[in-house]
Protein backbone atom coordinates (compact mmCIF):
# COMPACT_ATOMS: atom_id res chain seq x y z
CA UNK A 1 14.50 9.23 -21.13
CA UNK A 2 14.35 10.21 -17.47
CA UNK A 3 11.62 12.62 -16.48
CA UNK A 4 12.49 15.53 -14.21
CA UNK A 5 9.90 15.60 -11.44
CA UNK A 6 9.36 18.83 -9.53
CA UNK A 7 10.26 18.48 -5.84
CA UNK A 8 6.98 20.16 -4.96
CA UNK A 9 5.04 17.03 -5.96
CA UNK A 10 7.50 14.36 -4.87
CA UNK A 11 8.93 13.01 -1.70
CA UNK A 12 11.69 10.58 -1.20
CA UNK A 13 12.30 7.73 1.15
CA UNK A 14 15.62 6.06 1.66
CA UNK A 15 15.61 2.29 1.33
CA UNK A 16 18.88 0.42 1.79
CA UNK A 17 20.88 3.52 0.89
CA UNK A 18 18.81 4.13 -2.25
CA UNK A 19 16.56 7.13 -2.81
CA UNK A 20 13.02 6.07 -3.79
CA UNK A 21 10.64 8.72 -5.12
CA UNK A 22 6.98 8.89 -4.16
CA UNK A 23 4.24 11.38 -4.79
CA UNK A 24 3.22 13.79 -2.03
CA UNK A 25 1.10 11.09 -0.35
CA UNK A 26 3.66 8.29 -0.45
CA UNK A 27 2.54 6.40 -3.57
CA UNK A 28 5.47 5.12 -5.63
CA UNK A 29 6.25 7.00 -8.81
CA UNK A 30 7.96 3.94 -10.32
CA UNK A 31 6.14 0.73 -9.37
CA UNK A 32 9.35 -1.22 -10.07
CA UNK A 33 10.90 0.44 -7.01
CA UNK A 34 8.70 -1.63 -4.67
CA UNK A 35 10.31 -4.07 -2.28
CA UNK A 36 9.44 -5.42 1.15
CA UNK A 37 12.12 -3.08 2.50
CA UNK A 38 10.28 -0.16 0.86
CA UNK A 39 7.06 -1.26 2.59
CA UNK A 40 8.88 -1.46 5.94
CA UNK A 41 10.46 1.98 5.48
CA UNK A 42 7.18 3.63 4.44
CA UNK A 43 5.31 1.92 7.28
CA UNK A 44 7.88 3.21 9.78
CA UNK A 45 7.53 6.70 8.32
CA UNK A 46 3.73 6.40 8.74
CA UNK A 47 4.11 5.13 12.31
CA UNK A 48 2.87 1.62 11.53
CA UNK A 49 4.47 -1.58 12.85
CA UNK A 50 3.84 -4.23 10.21
CA UNK A 51 2.39 -7.48 11.57
CA UNK A 52 1.73 -10.77 9.81
CA UNK A 53 -1.82 -9.53 9.11
CA UNK A 54 -0.49 -6.39 7.39
CA UNK A 55 1.80 -8.55 5.24
CA UNK A 56 -1.10 -10.82 4.29
CA UNK A 57 -3.09 -7.79 3.10
CA UNK A 58 -0.09 -6.28 1.30
CA UNK A 59 0.65 -9.56 -0.49
CA UNK A 60 -3.04 -10.00 -1.37
CA UNK A 61 -3.15 -6.50 -2.90
CA UNK A 62 0.02 -7.16 -4.90
CA UNK A 63 -1.16 -10.57 -6.14
CA UNK A 64 -4.61 -9.22 -7.07
CA UNK A 65 -3.03 -6.29 -8.92
CA UNK A 66 -0.61 -8.61 -10.71
CA UNK A 67 -3.46 -10.84 -11.89
CA UNK A 68 -6.12 -8.22 -12.69
CA UNK A 69 -4.01 -5.07 -13.33
CA UNK A 70 -6.28 -3.10 -10.96
CA UNK A 71 -6.43 -2.63 -7.20
CA UNK A 72 -8.83 -4.87 -5.31
CA UNK A 73 -11.97 -3.12 -4.13
CA UNK A 74 -12.49 -3.05 -0.37
CA UNK A 75 -15.46 -5.43 -0.70
CA UNK A 76 -13.19 -7.96 -2.43
CA UNK A 77 -10.70 -7.65 0.44
CA UNK A 78 -13.47 -8.00 3.02
CA UNK A 79 -14.76 -11.18 1.33
CA UNK A 80 -11.27 -12.68 1.10
CA UNK A 81 -10.20 -11.86 4.65
CA UNK A 82 -13.56 -12.80 6.17
CA UNK A 83 -13.06 -16.26 4.66
CA UNK A 84 -9.45 -16.36 5.87
CA UNK A 85 -9.67 -14.69 9.31
CA UNK A 86 -13.36 -14.91 10.20
CA UNK A 87 -16.07 -12.23 10.21
CA UNK A 88 -14.66 -10.05 12.99
CA UNK A 89 -11.13 -9.64 11.63
CA UNK A 90 -12.19 -9.74 7.98
CA UNK A 91 -14.52 -6.80 8.49
CA UNK A 92 -14.19 -3.36 6.97
CA UNK A 93 -13.84 -1.95 10.49
CA UNK A 94 -10.89 -4.21 11.36
CA UNK A 95 -9.12 -3.62 8.03
CA UNK A 96 -9.39 0.14 8.64
CA UNK A 97 -8.20 -0.36 12.20
CA UNK A 98 -4.96 -2.06 11.10
CA UNK A 99 -4.48 0.48 8.26
CA UNK A 100 -5.43 3.67 10.14
CA UNK A 101 -4.21 6.12 7.48
CA UNK A 102 -6.80 5.58 4.77
CA UNK A 103 -7.69 1.93 5.25
CA UNK A 104 -6.50 -0.95 3.12
CA UNK A 105 -7.31 0.77 -0.14
CA UNK A 106 -5.17 3.82 0.54
CA UNK A 107 -2.53 2.91 3.11
CA UNK A 108 -2.55 -0.72 1.99
CA UNK A 109 -2.04 0.28 -1.65
CA UNK A 110 0.79 2.66 -0.72
CA UNK A 111 2.57 -0.05 1.27
CA UNK A 112 1.97 -2.60 -1.49
CA UNK A 113 3.49 -0.24 -4.06
CA UNK A 114 0.26 0.14 -6.01
CA UNK A 115 -0.96 3.47 -7.36
CA UNK A 116 -3.86 5.34 -5.83
CA UNK A 117 -7.34 4.30 -6.90
CA UNK A 118 -9.19 6.25 -9.59
CA UNK A 119 -11.02 9.24 -8.23
CA UNK A 120 -8.82 9.47 -5.14
CA UNK A 121 -7.56 12.96 -4.43
């Protein structure tokens, strides 16, 4: 059964000629619609040029979610990327700098095709 979703609460983004539905903030409605092309299209819409560092964070979020079925907390990301990139680039400040629209837990989750965190409005 296909649910009818009111346009008021959804947006769409075109990816390779296909209409992908998101909520009003850009989070996927159907997590199976995620692809790297979706991430590129959403990033462009949000004015973000994806670098290798962005892709490392996006892939980390996806892998963590796949393994644990929850989004990684920012402190988990900081620990991981501090070990990988060093203390300056692995910092909360730097992660928020490269994901300026909500940091890695909001913008990163959107780009990784993961739902918003609990308690997020």
